[in-house]
Amino acid sequence: MSENRYGVISGMRNAEDRQVAIARLASEGIPTDRIFTTNPEEPNAPPVWLYSMSANSELIAPSLSALNLSTQGIAATVEAARELGIQIRCLDEAFDSRNDWQSQIDTLLTALNRLDRKGFSDRTKIALQEAKARGQRLGRKPSMTDLRKAVAIQMIEAGYKGTRIWKTLAVLEGPPISQSAYYLWQKTWLAERK
C-alpha cells in the first residue's frame, strides 16, 4: 500500500508551515517526492493532480485545510476523491474516508464549519489592517464633535456642571452621545488643563 500513498499540503501558505507539514507527512512514511505542494488552480474545485492518482490510493493531509484553499474546494476535493476511489485521511480532524462514509460526514461538516469561521475571521482581520493602512478611521464616529467640544468648554468655563452640559450636547448635531461618553471626555479635558 505504501506505493499508493501520497501527501498533500496545498492549503499551506508560508514556507515555514510547508516545512512543518512536509516533516509531519514524512513521519507517516510518505516520501517527499509523493507530496503535492502546489495550490489548486481553481480554489472551489478539486485540484487537477487528484485525477492523476489511481483508484485505491491513499491521500494523507495534515488537516482538511491542506486539501484546498476554500471550504467549497475542500468539499469538492473530498467528493471527487470518493468518486475516484481515493481514500483521504486528515490527521488533525481524525477524518478518514476508509471508515464508513456516513460516520465521517459529521467530522467533515464540523471541520468545514470551523475552517469557514476561521477564514471569515482572517479575511476580516486583513480588511481591517488594509483600511487602517489607508488611514481610514475604524469603529464608531466620535460622539464629541468639534462643535460639542467648543460648547462644552464654554459651559464648563461659565460654571455649568455635568448633567446640564450633557443634555445641551445631546441635542446638538452629530452621533448620539451618552452621558458616560461626555464625562469621559470632560475628565480627559480637565486632566490636560492641569
Protein backbone atom coordinates (compact mmCIF):
# COMPACT_ATOMS: atom_id res chain seq x y z
CA MET A 1 0.00 0.00 0.00
CA SER A 2 2.98 2.36 0.56
CA GLU A 3 3.45 2.78 -3.22
CA ASN A 4 -0.10 4.19 -3.38
CA ARG A 5 0.31 6.66 -0.50
CA TYR A 6 0.53 10.37 -1.23
CA GLY A 7 0.58 13.50 0.86
CA VAL A 8 -0.85 16.95 0.23
CA ILE A 9 -0.24 20.38 1.73
CA SER A 10 -1.91 22.57 -0.92
CA GLY A 11 -3.58 24.95 1.51
CA MET A 12 -0.37 25.88 3.36
CA ARG A 13 0.69 29.45 2.69
CA ASN A 14 4.13 30.23 4.10
CA ALA A 15 7.41 28.29 3.77
CA GLU A 16 7.69 27.50 7.49
CA ASP A 17 4.18 25.96 7.60
CA ARG A 18 5.01 23.92 4.48
CA GLN A 19 8.22 22.54 6.04
CA VAL A 20 6.41 21.52 9.23
CA ALA A 21 3.69 19.80 7.18
CA ILE A 22 6.24 18.00 4.98
CA ALA A 23 8.04 16.71 8.09
CA ARG A 24 4.73 15.55 9.54
CA LEU A 25 3.81 13.67 6.37
CA ALA A 26 7.31 12.17 6.16
CA SER A 27 6.77 10.78 9.68
CA GLU A 28 3.70 9.00 8.23
CA GLY A 29 6.04 7.22 5.78
CA ILE A 30 5.36 9.35 2.71
CA PRO A 31 8.43 10.15 0.57
CA THR A 32 8.81 13.85 -0.22
CA ASP A 33 8.52 13.20 -3.98
CA ARG A 34 4.95 11.96 -3.34
CA ILE A 35 3.80 15.12 -1.53
CA PHE A 36 1.74 17.58 -3.57
CA THR A 37 2.66 21.13 -2.55
CA THR A 38 1.09 23.23 -5.29
CA ASN A 39 -2.01 25.31 -4.74
CA PRO A 40 -5.04 24.34 -6.82
CA GLU A 41 -5.71 26.34 -9.95
CA GLU A 42 -9.36 26.88 -9.01
CA PRO A 43 -9.94 27.33 -5.25
CA ASN A 44 -13.52 25.98 -5.35
CA ALA A 45 -12.78 22.85 -7.40
CA PRO A 46 -10.74 19.70 -6.83
CA PRO A 47 -7.08 20.10 -7.80
CA VAL A 48 -6.07 18.75 -11.23
CA TRP A 49 -3.40 16.42 -9.77
CA LEU A 50 -6.12 14.47 -7.92
CA TYR A 51 -7.25 12.97 -11.24
CA SER A 52 -3.74 11.61 -11.93
CA MET A 53 -3.94 9.35 -8.86
CA SER A 54 -5.06 5.76 -9.28
CA ALA A 55 -8.01 4.17 -7.52
CA ASN A 56 -7.21 2.67 -4.11
CA SER A 57 -4.56 5.33 -3.48
CA GLU A 58 -4.39 6.92 -0.05
CA LEU A 59 -4.05 10.71 0.24
CA ILE A 60 -2.87 11.93 3.64
CA ALA A 61 -3.14 15.57 4.68
CA PRO A 62 -2.14 17.28 7.95
CA SER A 63 -5.62 18.81 8.03
CA LEU A 64 -8.61 19.33 5.77
CA SER A 65 -7.40 22.89 5.08
CA ALA A 66 -4.33 21.37 3.38
CA LEU A 67 -6.57 19.84 0.69
CA ASN A 68 -7.74 23.08 -0.88
CA LEU A 69 -8.00 26.86 -0.33
CA SER A 70 -11.74 27.13 0.37
CA THR A 71 -14.37 25.13 2.22
CA GLN A 72 -16.22 24.60 -1.07
CA GLY A 73 -12.96 23.38 -2.64
CA ILE A 74 -12.31 21.01 0.27
CA ALA A 75 -15.80 19.51 -0.04
CA ALA A 76 -15.36 19.17 -3.83
CA THR A 77 -11.95 17.52 -3.35
CA VAL A 78 -13.32 15.01 -0.82
CA GLU A 79 -16.27 14.19 -3.09
CA ALA A 80 -14.08 13.82 -6.20
CA ALA A 81 -11.69 11.54 -4.28
CA ARG A 82 -14.62 9.42 -3.11
CA GLU A 83 -15.87 9.07 -6.70
CA LEU A 84 -12.36 8.16 -7.93
CA GLY A 85 -11.91 5.54 -5.20
CA ILE A 86 -9.12 7.52 -3.48
CA GLN A 87 -9.04 7.31 0.30
CA ILE A 88 -8.40 10.56 2.22
CA ARG A 89 -7.05 10.73 5.74
CA CYS A 90 -6.63 14.04 7.60
CA LEU A 91 -4.52 13.89 10.73
CA ASP A 92 -5.82 16.91 12.69
CA GLU A 93 -9.55 16.29 12.31
CA ALA A 94 -9.39 12.47 12.52
CA PHE A 95 -11.16 12.35 9.16
CA ASP A 96 -10.64 9.01 7.43
CA SER A 97 -12.70 8.10 4.38
CA ARG A 98 -11.62 4.45 4.80
CA ASN A 99 -14.21 4.32 7.58
CA ASP A 100 -17.92 4.24 6.90
CA TRP A 101 -18.68 7.33 4.82
CA GLN A 102 -21.81 8.18 6.80
CA SER A 103 -19.84 8.24 10.06
CA GLN A 104 -17.38 10.73 8.57
CA ILE A 105 -19.95 13.29 7.40
CA ASP A 106 -20.30 14.83 10.88
CA THR A 107 -16.49 15.09 11.21
CA LEU A 108 -16.27 16.68 7.77
CA LEU A 109 -19.08 19.19 8.37
CA THR A 110 -17.71 20.20 11.77
CA ALA A 111 -14.24 20.76 10.34
CA LEU A 112 -15.58 22.70 7.34
CA ASN A 113 -17.64 24.92 9.65
CA ARG A 114 -14.57 25.65 11.80
CA LEU A 115 -12.44 26.39 8.73
CA ASP A 116 -15.13 28.66 7.30
CA ARG A 117 -15.31 30.68 10.54
CA LYS A 118 -11.51 30.92 10.67
CA GLY A 119 -11.40 32.04 7.03
CA PHE A 120 -14.03 34.70 7.69
CA SER A 121 -12.08 35.90 10.72
CA ASP A 122 -8.82 36.01 8.77
CA ARG A 123 -10.43 37.95 5.88
CA THR A 124 -11.92 40.44 8.37
CA LYS A 125 -8.55 41.00 10.05
CA ILE A 126 -6.87 41.57 6.68
CA ALA A 127 -9.57 44.04 5.58
CA LEU A 128 -9.23 45.97 8.86
CA GLN A 129 -5.43 46.12 8.53
CA GLU A 130 -5.74 47.38 4.94
CA ALA A 131 -8.28 50.05 5.96
CA LYS A 132 -6.04 51.15 8.81
CA ALA A 133 -3.03 51.35 6.44
CA ARG A 134 -5.08 53.63 4.15
CA GLY A 135 -5.69 55.91 7.11
CA GLN A 136 -9.37 55.07 7.34
CA ARG A 137 -10.90 55.51 10.78
CA LEU A 138 -12.16 52.26 12.26
CA GLY A 139 -15.11 51.92 14.60
CA ARG A 140 -17.79 54.41 15.58
CA LYS A 141 -17.54 58.08 14.81
CA PRO A 142 -16.52 60.07 17.90
CA SER A 143 -19.57 61.47 19.66
CA MET A 144 -17.68 64.54 20.88
CA THR A 145 -17.62 66.55 17.66
CA ASP A 146 -15.70 69.82 17.37
CA LEU A 147 -18.93 71.77 17.91
CA ARG A 148 -19.78 69.78 21.04
CA LYS A 149 -16.26 70.27 22.40
CA ALA A 150 -16.48 74.05 21.88
CA VAL A 151 -19.91 74.26 23.54
CA ALA A 152 -18.80 72.04 26.45
CA ILE A 153 -15.68 74.13 27.06
CA GLN A 154 -17.71 77.36 27.07
CA MET A 155 -20.24 75.87 29.50
CA ILE A 156 -17.55 74.47 31.85
CA GLU A 157 -15.80 77.84 31.92
CA ALA A 158 -19.17 79.55 32.61
CA GLY A 159 -19.61 77.31 35.69
CA TYR A 160 -22.18 74.78 34.44
CA LYS A 161 -21.98 71.19 35.73
CA GLY A 162 -22.05 67.72 34.11
CA THR A 163 -25.69 66.73 33.52
CA ARG A 164 -26.73 70.18 32.29
CA ILE A 165 -23.82 70.26 29.82
CA TRP A 166 -24.52 66.72 28.61
CA LYS A 167 -28.22 67.47 27.99
CA THR A 168 -27.22 70.51 25.93
CA LEU A 169 -24.68 68.49 23.91
CA ALA A 170 -27.16 65.65 23.31
CA VAL A 171 -29.45 67.88 21.22
CA LEU A 172 -26.63 69.19 19.02
CA GLU A 173 -26.00 67.72 15.58
CA GLY A 174 -23.80 64.63 15.49
CA PRO A 175 -23.82 60.99 16.52
CA PRO A 176 -25.69 60.11 19.71
CA ILE A 177 -23.71 60.88 22.85
CA SER A 178 -24.09 59.03 26.11
CA GLN A 179 -23.66 60.66 29.48
CA SER A 180 -20.66 58.45 30.21
CA ALA A 181 -19.01 59.43 26.91
CA TYR A 182 -19.36 63.09 27.83
CA TYR A 183 -17.99 62.53 31.36
CA LEU A 184 -15.02 60.62 29.95
CA TRP A 185 -14.23 63.49 27.58
CA GLN A 186 -14.67 66.04 30.42
CA LYS A 187 -12.34 64.08 32.72
CA THR A 188 -9.67 63.91 29.99
CA TRP A 189 -10.04 67.58 29.10
CA LEU A 190 -9.78 68.70 32.75
CA ALA A 191 -6.70 66.48 33.29
CA GLU A 192 -4.97 68.01 30.26
CA ARG A 193 -5.55 71.53 31.62
CA LYS A 194 -3.68 70.83 34.86
